[in-house]
Amino acid sequence: MDWKVFFKKVAIFSWCMAIISILIYIVRYTASEIGNLFMWDQPFIWELILGLVFCLLSVFWPKKNK
């Protein structure tokens, strides 16, 4: 497995974890507290950022020459 495939898989996994954590927060909190989701200390923000970083790495990483 080359690095591009690895970065793509990590990005997909990270975004799936972010979606799951958003769904958990929506289920746990009422509509008045959903605004608390967008605070920087919430883990799904960091999962989205890591997903974006790994997605960019998978797009711009040089291809393996065979």
Protein backbone atom coordinates (compact mmCIF):
# COMPACT_ATOMS: atom_id res chain seq x y z
CA MET A 1 0.00 0.00 0.00
CA ASP A 2 1.43 3.37 -0.94
CA TRP A 3 1.07 6.59 1.03
CA LYS A 4 -1.72 8.06 -1.11
CA VAL A 5 -4.00 5.12 -0.37
CA PHE A 6 -3.08 5.23 3.32
CA PHE A 7 -3.83 8.96 3.61
CA LYS A 8 -7.14 8.51 1.80
CA LYS A 9 -8.20 5.71 4.16
CA VAL A 10 -7.23 7.71 7.25
CA ALA A 11 -9.18 10.73 5.96
CA ILE A 12 -12.29 8.63 5.36
CA PHE A 13 -11.99 7.02 8.80
CA SER A 14 -11.53 10.41 10.46
CA TRP A 15 -14.60 11.89 8.74
CA CYS A 16 -16.69 8.85 9.69
CA MET A 17 -15.67 9.33 13.33
CA ALA A 18 -16.65 13.01 13.09
CA ILE A 19 -20.08 12.12 11.69
CA ILE A 20 -20.63 9.56 14.45
CA SER A 21 -19.67 12.05 17.15
CA ILE A 22 -22.01 14.69 15.66
CA LEU A 23 -24.88 12.19 15.70
CA ILE A 24 -24.13 11.30 19.32
CA TYR A 25 -24.17 14.97 20.33
CA ILE A 26 -27.45 15.61 18.49
CA VAL A 27 -29.07 12.65 20.23
CA ARG A 28 -27.73 13.64 23.67
CA TYR A 29 -28.55 17.35 23.67
CA THR A 30 -31.73 19.30 23.10
CA ALA A 31 -32.10 21.81 20.29
CA SER A 32 -31.17 24.70 22.58
CA GLU A 33 -27.77 23.19 23.35
CA ILE A 34 -26.79 22.19 19.81
CA GLY A 35 -24.90 25.50 19.56
CA ASN A 36 -22.38 24.00 21.99
CA LEU A 37 -21.35 21.56 19.25
CA PHE A 38 -19.32 24.20 17.50
CA MET A 39 -16.94 25.00 20.35
CA TRP A 40 -13.27 24.31 19.61
CA ASP A 41 -12.87 21.89 22.49
CA GLN A 42 -15.20 19.39 20.83
CA PRO A 43 -13.43 16.38 19.32
CA PHE A 44 -15.36 16.29 16.05
CA ILE A 45 -13.86 19.63 14.98
CA TRP A 46 -10.39 18.12 15.32
CA GLU A 47 -11.52 14.97 13.49
CA LEU A 48 -12.75 17.10 10.60
CA ILE A 49 -9.47 19.04 10.52
CA LEU A 50 -7.41 15.83 10.57
CA GLY A 51 -9.61 14.41 7.81
CA LEU A 52 -8.98 17.49 5.70
CA VAL A 53 -5.22 17.29 6.29
CA PHE A 54 -5.07 13.62 5.29
CA CYS A 55 -7.31 14.26 2.29
CA LEU A 56 -4.96 16.99 1.10
CA LEU A 57 -1.99 14.69 1.66
CA SER A 58 -3.64 11.94 -0.38
CA VAL A 59 -4.36 14.35 -3.23
CA PHE A 60 -0.99 16.07 -3.40
CA TRP A 61 1.35 13.24 -2.38
CA PRO A 62 3.56 12.24 -5.35
CA LYS A 63 2.71 8.97 -7.05
CA LYS A 64 4.96 6.00 -6.51
CA ASN A 65 7.11 5.35 -9.57
CA LYS A 66 7.33 1.73 -10.62
